[in-house]
Amino acid sequence: MQRRLQPQRTSAAAWSRLENQKTHLKNLRLQYQLYLLLNSHFLSLLKSETGLTIFFLCAYLPKTAAGHCKWTEVLKDLEQIKTSEDIDVSLYTANTDEDKECQEPVMRCFFLEMKVVLHECYIMNCSKTQDVFNILKNGNANFENNQKTSTTPKKCKECEEYEEKNFTEFVHNFVKVIQRECK
């Protein structure tokens, strides 16, 4: 079974690199367009200190604008699996209206439950196994970039304290929580 899983990991890594390259190219394209605009219309501005300041601010702007929600890829994959008929599990499902300070523990609960979904997909050979794997891969990458630094507040629930719901309700709540995080 290990040999069968290896190509999925390789393709997921290659896909992730491709997505990062696309984002980088979009940044470069936007920077180049700003350069052309400045070069054609505001060349005289670059001869002054103010013009140079504007140019450097514009060069920095695409980097911050491209910093879209870090959960975008997870949302895309959730959209892919939400209608899956071959995933039939009950999962601890966090509420969508938890306190803001419980947001990280809630997100971690959803990703822990996605491990259950992945396990079931491997057993049942479901059609969305790669999408589930991608959700976990992208979620883990986002959490690695933002290591948990504090303890969970006492008022936040443990995953097992949430009600078990079917897969469709689980995905629906997961999407709502991520959308809330991206606002």
Foldseek 3Di string as FASTA:
>chain_A
DVVVCVVLVVVLVVVVVVVVVVLVVVLVVQLVVVVVVCVPPPVVLCVDPNSVVVNVVSNCVSVVVSCAQLCVLLLVLLVVCLPFPQQWDWFQADALPDDPLCLVQNLVLLLVRLVVSLVVCVVSVGPSNSSSVSNNVSSVVVCVVVPDDDDRDPVHDHSVVGDIDISNVRSVSSSSSSVVVRD
